[in-house]
Amino acid sequence: MVMMHSLIISETIDVQTWTYVLVGITFALYIGIAIWSRAGSTKDFYVAGGGVSPLANGMATAADWMSAASFISMAGIISFAGYDGAVYLMGWTGGYVLLALLLAPYLRKFGKFTVPDFIGDRYYSKTARVVAVFCALLVSFTYVAGQMRGVGIVFSRFLEVDINTGVIIGMLIVLFYAVLGGMKGITYTQVAQYCVLIFAFMVPAIFISIQMTGNPIPQLGFGSELADGSGTFLLDKLDGLSTELGFSEYTEGSKSTLDVFAITLALMVGTAGLPHVIVRFFTVKNVKDARKSAGIALLLIVILYTTAPAVAAFARTNMIETVSNKTYADVPEWFKKWQTTGLITYKDKNKDGIIQYVADANTNELVVDRDIMVLANPEIAELPNWVIALVAAGGLAAALSTAAGLLLVISASISHDLIKKIIKPTISEKSELVAARLSAVGAVCVAGYFGINPPGFVAAVVALAFGLAAASFFPAIILGIFYKKMNKEGAIAGMIVGITVMLLYMMKYKLGWFDLSIPDKSEWWFGISPEGFGSIAMCLNFMVSIIVLKFTKAPPKEVQDIVENIRIPSGAGEASNH
């Protein structure tokens, strides 16, 4: 009786009120953690004092890793792309394994604060450091643009404020705990954010899996028969619905094998070169703890990544059945609320009042932004209001957790790598901490601008960031660790060529800056998309680095000795206790 009463009460509270309550509680938690864990030194600010436990760092890394792209956009991409969306699953998970096993322990052994720190010291050059700073800023700003857009989408729908206003609110929250606590505040905030986002992702997935297939495990429900007694499997039904509307079969891919390979590789190696993920492994006490936290993070990440394909299939099926060939006057309330955000557009071309959702662009009347699929999924499935609000809180947690990590990279690149290491080496620790905080403020403002004016949907923007990381950092880090004769001239030339080629390709084929409009896919080099071109740029980086090396002198012996020492992943110096 009590349970029934509580359910009735929960349903009388509308979605917006629930959202205000849950988002308010989570924001208060983040701010409280930031105040508790505020940074008192540059070491606290940059690497959380170097004394974070493997479990806490594993949870923080998972939250840092599962950004708005993973939470909001990935399942949305898979919903629309079907089999082709698997490149994101393969690339991001494979990349994380590559990072955790191949790079993180060695970089932790090196024991510096940032990736430009490693590049600058390993290649014994201020020029190399400056190039690395430029690449870190470019990658991070591109990545953070996607996160801020994710924040804006959540706020615009669930709190019914303008997307731009939503971005500004998100900026202020991130600014508070990133500036006050630095990496220390961010780390413990991300532990809380992981708990929020994984709970928010799994609860509706379990609800909908039971509703559609009778199986409480989404990963198994994905391949199960529907619960309607028809004996039809979920994916078979989705294939049928897709072909009826003129789309290709959901379980069949349309991308070329070469493009799939290129995108997957770019995402993998880009992951391994992402400065905001790499720096997470600098926060633990030693190399052993770095390995432990990497393993813990992988297990925690797998929960969401194995669920995403199921969520995508559920959302796509429910969406088609709810709106396709339905009278506009009778569509559910959620449809019209998302319309007000501009993320669903309906134009009645034949004036019959019926929604025509088909593959043919000339007759199609409905455009659905893929970024809304996860957020709208509970509403489409008619789940309780508190579940809908929970997803909103989870989306914000995912976007803010990664945004904070990226802002710290930007802040550290300016204050530590530029000001401390190049412009004013004599700067005091107190002044450096002030510079770091001011840099974070500036970074938030720029991030907000890109969040308001993003170059594409969340996952596409993020994919470009991975391409830029693959083109610039990955070869320099790999060669720096595993090839002791790699010199500064080769590394600098490789990074410049890699990042330049990637930028030019992105500007032309993704942003359309060199043409009146974005060129057609038929003009892509070798049929490789801008999201996958990071693989080509990376190969060019490697080639140029090796060629230049052959015509220039080897690095000093002391640098070669450092490389030999890095390869022995044992010990990492003292760390502070928390």
Protein backbone atom coordinates (compact mmCIF):
# COMPACT_ATOMS: atom_id res chain seq x y z
CA MET A 1 0.00 0.00 0.00
CA VAL A 2 2.84 2.35 0.92
CA MET A 3 4.67 1.49 -2.31
CA MET A 4 1.55 2.17 -4.38
CA HIS A 5 1.10 5.52 -2.63
CA SER A 6 4.71 6.53 -3.31
CA LEU A 7 4.37 5.58 -7.00
CA ILE A 8 1.23 7.71 -7.30
CA ILE A 9 3.04 10.64 -5.70
CA SER A 10 6.06 10.21 -8.01
CA GLU A 11 3.80 10.30 -11.07
CA THR A 12 2.01 13.44 -9.91
CA ILE A 13 5.33 15.30 -9.90
CA ASP A 14 6.14 16.50 -13.43
CA VAL A 15 9.41 15.87 -15.27
CA GLN A 16 10.65 19.42 -14.89
CA THR A 17 10.24 19.39 -11.10
CA TRP A 18 11.98 16.03 -10.85
CA THR A 19 14.79 17.37 -13.03
CA TYR A 20 15.24 20.46 -10.86
CA VAL A 21 15.37 18.25 -7.77
CA LEU A 22 17.83 15.64 -9.10
CA VAL A 23 20.05 18.12 -10.96
CA GLY A 24 20.02 20.42 -7.92
CA ILE A 25 21.08 17.57 -5.59
CA THR A 26 23.90 16.46 -7.92
CA PHE A 27 25.15 20.04 -8.45
CA ALA A 28 25.16 20.65 -4.69
CA LEU A 29 27.16 17.43 -4.27
CA TYR A 30 29.73 18.52 -6.87
CA ILE A 31 30.12 21.96 -5.28
CA GLY A 32 30.42 20.44 -1.79
CA ILE A 33 33.17 18.07 -2.96
CA ALA A 34 34.99 20.98 -4.63
CA ILE A 35 35.00 22.99 -1.40
CA TRP A 36 36.17 19.96 0.61
CA SER A 37 38.98 19.07 -1.79
CA ARG A 38 40.18 22.55 -2.84
CA ALA A 39 43.75 22.70 -4.06
CA GLY A 40 46.38 24.27 -1.86
CA SER A 41 49.42 23.74 -4.11
CA THR A 42 50.29 23.39 -7.80
CA LYS A 43 50.77 19.64 -7.29
CA ASP A 44 47.23 19.41 -5.88
CA PHE A 45 45.96 21.51 -8.78
CA TYR A 46 47.70 19.60 -11.59
CA VAL A 47 47.83 15.97 -10.36
CA ALA A 48 45.74 15.89 -7.15
CA GLY A 49 48.92 15.60 -5.07
CA GLY A 50 49.82 12.30 -6.75
CA GLY A 51 48.23 10.30 -3.96
CA VAL A 52 44.81 9.21 -5.30
CA SER A 53 43.82 5.57 -4.64
CA PRO A 54 43.50 3.19 -7.65
CA LEU A 55 39.75 2.74 -7.04
CA ALA A 56 39.02 6.48 -6.88
CA ASN A 57 41.24 7.14 -9.89
CA GLY A 58 39.60 4.26 -11.80
CA MET A 59 36.14 5.74 -11.18
CA ALA A 60 37.35 9.24 -12.02
CA THR A 61 39.02 8.00 -15.22
CA ALA A 62 35.83 6.20 -16.25
CA ALA A 63 33.81 9.38 -15.69
CA ASP A 64 36.43 11.45 -17.54
CA TRP A 65 36.37 8.96 -20.38
CA MET A 66 32.57 8.59 -20.67
CA SER A 67 31.78 12.05 -21.84
CA ALA A 68 28.67 13.50 -23.42
CA ALA A 69 29.80 11.68 -26.55
CA SER A 70 29.56 8.30 -24.79
CA PHE A 71 26.45 9.02 -22.73
CA ILE A 72 24.38 11.20 -25.05
CA SER A 73 25.66 10.78 -28.58
CA MET A 74 27.13 7.30 -29.06
CA ALA A 75 23.87 5.35 -28.74
CA GLY A 76 22.25 8.07 -30.88
CA ILE A 77 24.78 7.50 -33.64
CA ILE A 78 24.29 3.73 -33.45
CA SER A 79 20.49 4.32 -33.57
CA PHE A 80 20.82 6.03 -36.94
CA ALA A 81 23.93 4.39 -38.39
CA GLY A 82 23.23 0.86 -37.16
CA TYR A 83 26.16 -1.43 -37.85
CA ASP A 84 28.32 1.51 -39.02
CA GLY A 85 28.10 2.97 -35.52
CA ALA A 86 30.20 0.06 -34.26
CA VAL A 87 33.34 2.02 -35.22
CA TYR A 88 32.84 4.19 -32.14
CA LEU A 89 32.51 1.19 -29.86
CA MET A 90 35.56 -0.52 -31.33
CA GLY A 91 37.69 2.59 -31.57
CA TRP A 92 37.03 4.01 -28.12
CA THR A 93 37.25 0.75 -26.18
CA GLY A 94 40.27 -0.46 -28.16
CA GLY A 95 41.93 2.90 -27.70
CA TYR A 96 41.46 2.83 -23.97
CA VAL A 97 43.06 -0.64 -23.77
CA LEU A 98 45.95 0.65 -25.89
CA LEU A 99 46.39 3.63 -23.58
CA ALA A 100 46.13 1.63 -20.36
CA LEU A 101 48.51 -1.13 -21.35
CA LEU A 102 50.98 0.56 -23.66
CA LEU A 103 51.38 4.17 -22.60
CA ALA A 104 50.02 4.99 -19.14
CA PRO A 105 52.55 3.05 -17.03
CA TYR A 106 55.51 4.53 -18.88
CA LEU A 107 54.21 8.08 -18.75
CA ARG A 108 53.52 7.64 -15.02
CA LYS A 109 57.10 6.50 -14.59
CA PHE A 110 58.24 9.74 -16.22
CA GLY A 111 56.26 11.48 -13.48
CA LYS A 112 55.55 14.93 -14.89
CA PHE A 113 52.34 16.97 -14.76
CA THR A 114 51.28 17.18 -18.40
CA VAL A 115 51.76 15.66 -21.86
CA PRO A 116 53.60 18.79 -23.15
CA ASP A 117 55.87 18.30 -20.11
CA PHE A 118 56.81 14.86 -21.40
CA ILE A 119 57.24 16.09 -24.98
CA GLY A 120 59.32 19.11 -23.90
CA ASP A 121 61.68 17.13 -21.61
CA ARG A 122 61.90 13.99 -23.79
CA TYR A 123 62.75 16.02 -26.86
CA TYR A 124 64.90 18.52 -24.91
CA SER A 125 63.38 21.46 -26.72
CA LYS A 126 61.29 24.53 -25.93
CA THR A 127 60.01 24.45 -29.53
CA ALA A 128 58.75 20.88 -29.04
CA ARG A 129 57.01 21.98 -25.85
CA VAL A 130 55.32 24.94 -27.60
CA VAL A 131 54.14 22.72 -30.46
CA ALA A 132 52.81 20.21 -27.92
CA VAL A 133 51.00 22.98 -26.03
CA PHE A 134 49.39 24.17 -29.27
CA CYS A 135 48.25 20.62 -30.08
CA ALA A 136 46.95 20.06 -26.52
CA LEU A 137 44.93 23.29 -26.67
CA LEU A 138 43.53 22.48 -30.10
CA VAL A 139 42.52 18.93 -29.14
CA SER A 140 41.05 20.00 -25.81
CA PHE A 141 39.05 22.95 -27.16
CA THR A 142 37.63 20.79 -29.97
CA TYR A 143 36.69 18.08 -27.47
CA VAL A 144 35.21 20.45 -24.89
CA ALA A 145 32.97 22.04 -27.54
CA GLY A 146 31.11 18.73 -27.78
CA GLN A 147 30.72 18.53 -23.99
CA MET A 148 29.29 22.03 -23.66
CA ARG A 149 26.82 21.33 -26.48
CA GLY A 150 25.72 18.24 -24.53
CA VAL A 151 25.13 20.41 -21.45
CA GLY A 152 23.10 22.87 -23.51
CA ILE A 153 20.91 20.10 -24.99
CA VAL A 154 20.03 18.72 -21.54
CA PHE A 155 19.21 22.13 -20.09
CA SER A 156 17.18 23.24 -23.10
CA ARG A 157 14.84 20.27 -22.97
CA PHE A 158 14.48 19.31 -19.34
CA LEU A 159 14.80 22.67 -17.66
CA GLU A 160 13.18 24.41 -20.63
CA VAL A 161 15.78 27.11 -20.97
CA ASP A 162 17.53 28.31 -24.10
CA ILE A 163 20.47 26.09 -25.22
CA ASN A 164 22.81 29.07 -24.87
CA THR A 165 21.60 29.70 -21.32
CA GLY A 166 22.12 26.01 -20.53
CA VAL A 167 25.70 26.20 -21.78
CA ILE A 168 26.37 29.26 -19.58
CA ILE A 169 24.96 27.51 -16.46
CA GLY A 170 27.15 24.47 -17.18
CA MET A 171 30.16 26.77 -17.62
CA LEU A 172 29.62 28.33 -14.21
CA ILE A 173 29.33 24.96 -12.43
CA VAL A 174 32.45 23.54 -14.10
CA LEU A 175 34.31 26.77 -13.46
CA PHE A 176 33.57 26.60 -9.77
CA TYR A 177 34.93 23.15 -9.02
CA ALA A 178 37.68 23.14 -11.68
CA VAL A 179 39.11 26.51 -10.60
CA LEU A 180 38.73 25.92 -6.86
CA GLY A 181 39.82 22.30 -6.61
CA GLY A 182 41.95 21.77 -9.71
CA MET A 183 42.66 18.09 -10.39
CA LYS A 184 42.07 17.23 -6.75
CA GLY A 185 38.54 18.69 -6.82
CA ILE A 186 37.87 17.28 -10.27
CA THR A 187 39.00 13.76 -9.30
CA TYR A 188 36.66 13.36 -6.36
CA THR A 189 33.83 15.13 -8.17
CA GLN A 190 34.26 12.67 -11.04
CA VAL A 191 33.88 9.74 -8.63
CA ALA A 192 30.41 11.08 -7.75
CA GLN A 193 29.68 11.82 -11.42
CA TYR A 194 30.51 8.26 -12.44
CA CYS A 195 27.98 6.92 -9.93
CA VAL A 196 25.33 9.32 -11.23
CA LEU A 197 25.92 8.73 -14.94
CA ILE A 198 26.13 4.92 -14.83
CA PHE A 199 22.98 4.69 -12.69
CA ALA A 200 21.21 7.10 -15.03
CA PHE A 201 22.24 5.12 -18.12
CA MET A 202 21.44 1.66 -16.79
CA VAL A 203 18.08 2.23 -15.02
CA PRO A 204 16.10 3.21 -18.18
CA ALA A 205 17.99 0.57 -20.21
CA ILE A 206 16.85 -2.15 -17.77
CA PHE A 207 13.27 -0.78 -17.66
CA ILE A 208 12.98 -0.71 -21.48
CA SER A 209 14.65 -4.12 -21.90
CA ILE A 210 12.04 -5.67 -19.59
CA GLN A 211 9.28 -3.74 -21.36
CA MET A 212 10.29 -4.80 -24.88
CA THR A 213 11.84 -8.24 -24.45
CA GLY A 214 11.06 -9.40 -20.92
CA ASN A 215 14.81 -9.67 -20.23
CA PRO A 216 16.18 -7.45 -17.42
CA ILE A 217 19.71 -7.51 -18.86
CA PRO A 218 19.89 -5.02 -21.79
CA GLN A 219 22.92 -6.74 -23.32
CA LEU A 220 20.89 -9.97 -23.61
CA GLY A 221 17.62 -8.21 -24.44
CA PHE A 222 19.39 -6.75 -27.48
CA GLY A 223 19.47 -10.22 -29.06
CA SER A 224 16.18 -11.52 -27.64
CA GLU A 225 12.66 -12.06 -28.96
CA LEU A 226 10.10 -9.31 -28.42
CA ALA A 227 7.74 -9.72 -25.46
CA ASP A 228 4.62 -9.23 -27.65
CA GLY A 229 4.37 -12.96 -28.35
CA SER A 230 5.12 -12.57 -32.07
CA GLY A 231 8.27 -14.68 -31.88
CA THR A 232 10.13 -11.92 -33.75
CA PHE A 233 13.61 -10.95 -32.63
CA LEU A 234 14.20 -7.27 -31.80
CA LEU A 235 16.88 -6.78 -34.47
CA ASP A 236 14.80 -8.57 -37.12
CA LYS A 237 11.91 -6.21 -36.40
CA LEU A 238 14.22 -3.18 -36.55
CA ASP A 239 15.64 -4.37 -39.88
CA GLY A 240 12.09 -4.67 -41.21
CA LEU A 241 11.04 -1.23 -39.97
CA SER A 242 14.17 0.32 -41.49
CA THR A 243 13.72 -1.23 -44.94
CA GLU A 244 10.01 -0.35 -45.02
CA LEU A 245 10.97 3.31 -44.67
CA GLY A 246 13.65 3.08 -47.35
CA PHE A 247 16.65 2.97 -45.00
CA SER A 248 19.28 0.25 -45.25
CA GLU A 249 19.00 -2.70 -42.88
CA TYR A 250 19.98 -1.75 -39.35
CA THR A 251 22.36 -4.71 -39.06
CA GLU A 252 24.07 -3.97 -42.39
CA GLY A 253 26.80 -1.37 -42.85
CA SER A 254 27.11 1.17 -45.65
CA LYS A 255 30.62 2.52 -44.96
CA SER A 256 33.56 1.18 -46.94
CA THR A 257 35.86 -1.26 -45.15
CA LEU A 258 38.74 1.20 -45.53
CA ASP A 259 36.78 4.04 -43.91
CA VAL A 260 35.65 1.78 -41.04
CA PHE A 261 39.28 0.77 -40.49
CA ALA A 262 40.50 4.38 -40.69
CA ILE A 263 37.90 5.73 -38.24
CA THR A 264 38.47 2.88 -35.78
CA LEU A 265 42.25 3.34 -35.93
CA ALA A 266 41.96 7.14 -35.57
CA LEU A 267 39.73 6.76 -32.52
CA MET A 268 42.07 4.14 -31.02
CA VAL A 269 45.32 6.01 -31.39
CA GLY A 270 43.59 9.33 -30.72
CA THR A 271 42.44 7.91 -27.41
CA ALA A 272 45.98 6.96 -26.56
CA GLY A 273 47.06 10.53 -27.27
CA LEU A 274 44.33 12.38 -25.39
CA PRO A 275 46.03 14.59 -22.80
CA HIS A 276 43.07 14.75 -20.37
CA VAL A 277 42.97 10.94 -20.06
CA ILE A 278 46.74 10.49 -19.87
CA VAL A 279 47.07 13.02 -17.04
CA ARG A 280 44.68 10.93 -14.94
CA PHE A 281 47.45 8.34 -14.49
CA PHE A 282 49.76 11.01 -13.04
CA THR A 283 47.46 11.32 -10.01
CA VAL A 284 48.21 7.90 -8.42
CA LYS A 285 51.12 7.04 -6.14
CA ASN A 286 53.12 4.76 -8.44
CA VAL A 287 53.19 2.72 -11.64
CA LYS A 288 51.54 -0.29 -9.98
CA ASP A 289 48.58 1.86 -8.97
CA ALA A 290 48.42 3.31 -12.50
CA ARG A 291 47.98 -0.23 -13.88
CA LYS A 292 45.36 -1.07 -11.24
CA SER A 293 43.33 2.07 -11.87
CA ALA A 294 43.49 1.46 -15.62
CA GLY A 295 42.01 -2.02 -15.15
CA ILE A 296 39.30 -0.77 -12.78
CA ALA A 297 38.37 2.01 -15.20
CA LEU A 298 38.12 -0.46 -18.09
CA LEU A 299 35.69 -2.66 -16.15
CA LEU A 300 33.57 0.37 -15.23
CA ILE A 301 33.57 1.66 -18.82
CA VAL A 302 32.53 -1.72 -20.22
CA ILE A 303 29.20 -1.52 -18.33
CA LEU A 304 28.06 1.45 -20.42
CA TYR A 305 29.71 0.47 -23.69
CA THR A 306 28.14 -2.98 -23.82
CA THR A 307 24.75 -1.47 -23.01
CA ALA A 308 24.86 1.30 -25.65
CA PRO A 309 23.97 -0.93 -28.68
CA ALA A 310 20.89 -2.22 -26.83
CA VAL A 311 19.80 1.31 -25.88
CA ALA A 312 20.27 2.37 -29.51
CA ALA A 313 18.09 -0.46 -30.84
CA PHE A 314 15.38 0.13 -28.22
CA ALA A 315 15.29 3.87 -28.95
CA ARG A 316 15.22 3.47 -32.73
CA THR A 317 12.43 0.88 -32.64
CA ASN A 318 10.28 2.87 -30.23
CA MET A 319 10.84 6.13 -32.10
CA ILE A 320 9.81 4.71 -35.49
CA GLU A 321 6.73 3.01 -34.06
CA THR A 322 5.71 6.13 -32.11
CA VAL A 323 5.96 8.82 -34.81
CA SER A 324 6.25 7.27 -38.29
CA ASN A 325 3.01 7.56 -40.30
CA LYS A 326 1.20 9.01 -37.27
CA THR A 327 -1.08 12.04 -37.23
CA TYR A 328 0.83 15.09 -35.97
CA ALA A 329 -2.11 16.20 -33.85
CA ASP A 330 -1.93 12.92 -31.91
CA VAL A 331 1.85 12.73 -31.29
CA PRO A 332 2.93 12.40 -27.64
CA GLU A 333 3.84 15.46 -25.56
CA TRP A 334 7.56 14.65 -25.59
CA PHE A 335 7.67 15.12 -29.38
CA LYS A 336 6.40 18.68 -29.22
CA LYS A 337 8.64 19.57 -26.26
CA TRP A 338 11.74 18.44 -28.16
CA GLN A 339 10.44 20.44 -31.14
CA THR A 340 10.72 23.61 -29.11
CA THR A 341 14.46 22.95 -28.69
CA GLY A 342 14.94 22.73 -32.47
CA LEU A 343 16.39 19.23 -32.16
CA ILE A 344 13.28 17.70 -33.78
CA THR A 345 11.93 19.43 -36.87
CA TYR A 346 8.70 18.51 -38.69
CA LYS A 347 7.61 20.07 -41.97
CA ASP A 348 4.32 18.84 -43.44
CA LYS A 349 5.35 18.86 -47.11
CA ASN A 350 2.17 17.25 -48.51
CA LYS A 351 -0.17 19.05 -46.04
CA ASP A 352 -1.90 15.83 -44.93
CA GLY A 353 -1.11 16.22 -41.23
CA ILE A 354 0.61 12.81 -41.15
CA ILE A 355 4.32 12.49 -40.30
CA GLN A 356 6.22 10.96 -43.21
CA TYR A 357 9.52 9.63 -41.84
CA VAL A 358 11.35 8.05 -44.80
CA ALA A 359 14.86 7.81 -46.23
CA ASP A 360 14.04 9.88 -49.35
CA ALA A 361 15.04 13.46 -48.51
CA ASN A 362 12.51 14.91 -50.97
CA THR A 363 9.50 13.34 -49.22
CA ASN A 364 10.85 13.02 -45.67
CA GLU A 365 9.11 15.40 -43.25
CA LEU A 366 10.89 14.60 -40.00
CA VAL A 367 14.46 15.36 -38.93
CA VAL A 368 15.59 14.01 -35.56
CA ASP A 369 18.93 15.12 -34.08
CA ARG A 370 20.80 11.98 -33.11
CA ASP A 371 21.97 13.62 -29.89
CA ILE A 372 18.49 13.39 -28.38
CA MET A 373 17.97 9.63 -28.71
CA VAL A 374 19.32 8.62 -25.28
CA LEU A 375 17.76 11.61 -23.53
CA ALA A 376 14.35 11.13 -25.18
CA ASN A 377 14.39 7.33 -24.87
CA PRO A 378 12.65 7.13 -21.44
CA GLU A 379 9.96 9.56 -22.62
CA ILE A 380 9.35 7.60 -25.83
CA ALA A 381 9.02 4.41 -23.76
CA GLU A 382 6.66 6.20 -21.31
CA LEU A 383 8.82 5.49 -18.26
CA PRO A 384 8.14 7.22 -14.90
CA ASN A 385 8.97 10.93 -14.65
CA TRP A 386 11.76 10.38 -12.14
CA VAL A 387 13.57 8.07 -14.61
CA ILE A 388 13.34 10.75 -17.32
CA ALA A 389 14.81 13.32 -14.92
CA LEU A 390 17.51 10.87 -13.83
CA VAL A 391 18.74 10.59 -17.43
CA ALA A 392 19.00 14.38 -17.59
CA ALA A 393 21.14 14.41 -14.44
CA GLY A 394 23.27 11.59 -15.90
CA GLY A 395 23.82 13.45 -19.17
CA LEU A 396 24.97 16.53 -17.27
CA ALA A 397 27.29 14.43 -15.09
CA ALA A 398 28.89 12.85 -18.17
CA ALA A 399 29.37 16.17 -19.99
CA LEU A 400 30.63 18.09 -16.95
CA SER A 401 33.06 15.36 -15.83
CA THR A 402 34.92 15.39 -19.14
CA ALA A 403 34.66 19.15 -19.58
CA ALA A 404 36.39 19.63 -16.22
CA GLY A 405 39.26 17.31 -17.17
CA LEU A 406 39.73 19.09 -20.49
CA LEU A 407 39.68 22.53 -18.89
CA LEU A 408 42.40 21.44 -16.51
CA VAL A 409 44.57 20.32 -19.44
CA ILE A 410 44.05 23.71 -21.06
CA SER A 411 44.79 25.51 -17.81
CA ALA A 412 47.94 23.44 -17.10
CA SER A 413 49.20 23.84 -20.68
CA ILE A 414 49.09 27.64 -20.33
CA SER A 415 50.21 28.11 -16.72
CA HIS A 416 52.71 25.26 -16.36
CA ASP A 417 54.03 24.55 -19.84
CA LEU A 418 54.01 28.06 -21.28
CA ILE A 419 54.38 30.46 -18.35
CA LYS A 420 56.40 28.34 -15.88
CA LYS A 421 58.59 26.47 -18.38
CA ILE A 422 59.13 29.08 -21.09
CA ILE A 423 57.93 32.65 -20.42
CA LYS A 424 58.79 33.09 -16.70
CA PRO A 425 60.70 30.15 -15.16
CA THR A 426 61.20 32.12 -11.90
CA ILE A 427 57.47 32.42 -11.17
CA SER A 428 56.51 31.46 -7.61
CA GLU A 429 54.22 28.51 -6.88
CA LYS A 430 51.53 30.89 -5.58
CA SER A 431 51.64 32.98 -8.76
CA GLU A 432 51.60 29.85 -10.93
CA LEU A 433 48.48 28.65 -9.09
CA VAL A 434 46.82 32.02 -9.76
CA ALA A 435 47.84 31.80 -13.43
CA ALA A 436 46.41 28.28 -13.62
CA ARG A 437 43.07 29.45 -12.20
CA LEU A 438 42.91 32.48 -14.50
CA SER A 439 43.73 30.21 -17.45
CA ALA A 440 40.84 27.95 -16.44
CA VAL A 441 38.49 30.96 -16.41
CA GLY A 442 39.60 31.95 -19.92
CA ALA A 443 39.30 28.35 -21.10
CA VAL A 444 35.73 28.09 -19.80
CA CYS A 445 34.74 31.23 -21.71
CA VAL A 446 36.19 29.89 -24.99
CA ALA A 447 34.60 26.47 -24.34
CA GLY A 448 31.26 28.16 -23.79
CA TYR A 449 31.53 29.94 -27.14
CA PHE A 450 32.18 26.67 -28.95
CA GLY A 451 29.36 25.03 -27.03
CA ILE A 452 26.98 27.73 -28.30
CA ASN A 453 28.40 27.53 -31.85
CA PRO A 454 29.42 23.86 -32.28
CA PRO A 455 30.76 22.55 -35.61
CA GLY A 456 28.47 19.46 -35.50
CA PHE A 457 26.69 16.96 -33.28
CA VAL A 458 28.49 15.88 -30.11
CA ALA A 459 30.13 12.61 -31.18
CA ALA A 460 31.26 14.01 -34.55
CA VAL A 461 32.99 16.95 -32.83
CA VAL A 462 34.60 14.57 -30.37
CA ALA A 463 35.71 12.26 -33.20
CA LEU A 464 37.54 15.20 -34.77
CA ALA A 465 39.34 15.81 -31.48
CA PHE A 466 40.50 12.20 -31.50
CA GLY A 467 41.73 12.63 -35.07
CA LEU A 468 43.74 15.69 -34.04
CA ALA A 469 45.25 13.78 -31.08
CA ALA A 470 46.13 10.85 -33.35
CA ALA A 471 47.75 13.18 -35.88
CA SER A 472 49.85 15.06 -33.34
CA PHE A 473 50.56 13.35 -30.01
CA PHE A 474 50.45 9.62 -30.58
CA PRO A 475 53.57 9.26 -32.80
CA ALA A 476 55.59 11.62 -30.60
CA ILE A 477 54.66 9.69 -27.44
CA ILE A 478 55.20 6.22 -28.94
CA LEU A 479 58.55 7.13 -30.50
CA GLY A 480 59.52 8.99 -27.35
CA ILE A 481 59.02 5.89 -25.20
CA PHE A 482 60.07 3.05 -27.49
CA TYR A 483 62.72 4.60 -29.76
CA LYS A 484 65.49 6.18 -27.74
CA LYS A 485 67.24 7.56 -30.83
CA MET A 486 64.24 9.67 -31.80
CA ASN A 487 65.37 13.30 -31.76
CA LYS A 488 63.73 16.70 -31.37
CA GLU A 489 63.94 17.67 -35.05
CA GLY A 490 62.05 14.56 -36.15
CA ALA A 491 59.38 14.84 -33.45
CA ILE A 492 58.74 18.55 -34.07
CA ALA A 493 58.54 18.11 -37.85
CA GLY A 494 56.23 15.10 -37.47
CA MET A 495 53.84 16.88 -35.09
CA ILE A 496 53.65 20.00 -37.29
CA VAL A 497 53.01 18.01 -40.48
CA GLY A 498 50.48 15.70 -38.79
CA ILE A 499 48.39 18.42 -37.14
CA THR A 500 48.54 20.69 -40.23
CA VAL A 501 47.36 18.01 -42.65
CA MET A 502 44.56 16.96 -40.28
CA LEU A 503 43.43 20.56 -39.77
CA LEU A 504 43.38 21.30 -43.50
CA TYR A 505 41.39 18.14 -44.26
CA MET A 506 38.94 18.91 -41.46
CA MET A 507 38.52 22.53 -42.61
CA LYS A 508 37.79 21.49 -46.17
CA TYR A 509 35.69 18.34 -45.82
CA LYS A 510 34.01 18.87 -42.43
CA LEU A 511 33.68 22.62 -42.03
CA GLY A 512 33.61 23.63 -45.72
CA TRP A 513 35.88 26.64 -45.17
CA PHE A 514 37.56 26.44 -48.58
CA ASP A 515 34.36 26.02 -50.58
CA LEU A 516 30.91 27.59 -50.77
CA SER A 517 29.52 24.40 -49.20
CA ILE A 518 30.87 21.20 -47.60
CA PRO A 519 32.20 18.98 -50.44
CA ASP A 520 30.39 15.72 -51.26
CA LYS A 521 31.60 12.41 -49.83
CA SER A 522 32.74 11.40 -53.31
CA GLU A 523 35.60 13.93 -53.01
CA TRP A 524 37.08 12.34 -49.87
CA TRP A 525 40.66 11.07 -50.28
CA PHE A 526 40.50 7.28 -50.75
CA GLY A 527 36.89 7.46 -49.48
CA ILE A 528 38.10 8.27 -45.94
CA SER A 529 35.86 10.56 -43.85
CA PRO A 530 37.22 13.52 -41.82
CA GLU A 531 36.61 11.46 -38.64
CA GLY A 532 38.94 8.76 -40.00
CA PHE A 533 41.59 10.98 -41.61
CA GLY A 534 43.52 11.18 -38.35
CA SER A 535 44.90 7.72 -39.28
CA ILE A 536 46.42 9.08 -42.51
CA ALA A 537 47.78 12.17 -40.73
CA MET A 538 49.29 9.92 -38.04
CA CYS A 539 51.08 7.82 -40.68
CA LEU A 540 52.45 10.99 -42.26
CA ASN A 541 53.63 12.11 -38.79
CA PHE A 542 55.52 8.83 -38.32
CA MET A 543 57.05 9.00 -41.84
CA VAL A 544 58.20 12.61 -41.54
CA SER A 545 59.62 11.99 -38.04
CA ILE A 546 61.72 9.03 -39.19
CA ILE A 547 62.88 10.74 -42.42
CA VAL A 548 63.96 13.93 -40.60
CA LEU A 549 65.68 11.79 -37.94
CA LYS A 550 67.88 10.18 -40.61
CA PHE A 551 69.26 13.59 -41.64
CA THR A 552 69.78 15.08 -38.17
CA LYS A 553 71.89 14.21 -35.14
CA ALA A 554 70.87 11.74 -32.45
CA PRO A 555 69.60 12.98 -29.06
CA PRO A 556 72.09 13.49 -26.20
CA LYS A 557 73.11 10.44 -24.17
CA GLU A 558 71.38 11.69 -21.01
CA VAL A 559 68.05 11.82 -22.90
CA GLN A 560 68.58 8.27 -24.19
CA ASP A 561 69.27 7.21 -20.59
CA ILE A 562 65.95 8.80 -19.49
CA VAL A 563 64.15 6.73 -22.14
CA GLU A 564 65.84 3.56 -20.94
CA ASN A 565 64.73 4.37 -17.39
CA ILE A 566 61.11 5.07 -18.45
CA ARG A 567 60.91 1.62 -20.00
CA ILE A 568 61.40 0.00 -16.61
CA PRO A 569 57.99 0.64 -14.99
CA SER A 570 58.94 0.50 -11.35
CA GLY A 571 58.62 3.15 -8.66
CA ALA A 572 57.65 6.71 -9.27
CA GLY A 573 58.82 8.76 -6.36
CA GLU A 574 57.02 10.09 -3.33
CA ALA A 575 53.37 10.96 -3.27
CA SER A 576 51.22 12.81 -0.84
CA ASN A 577 48.55 11.05 1.22
CA HIS A 578 44.91 12.00 0.98
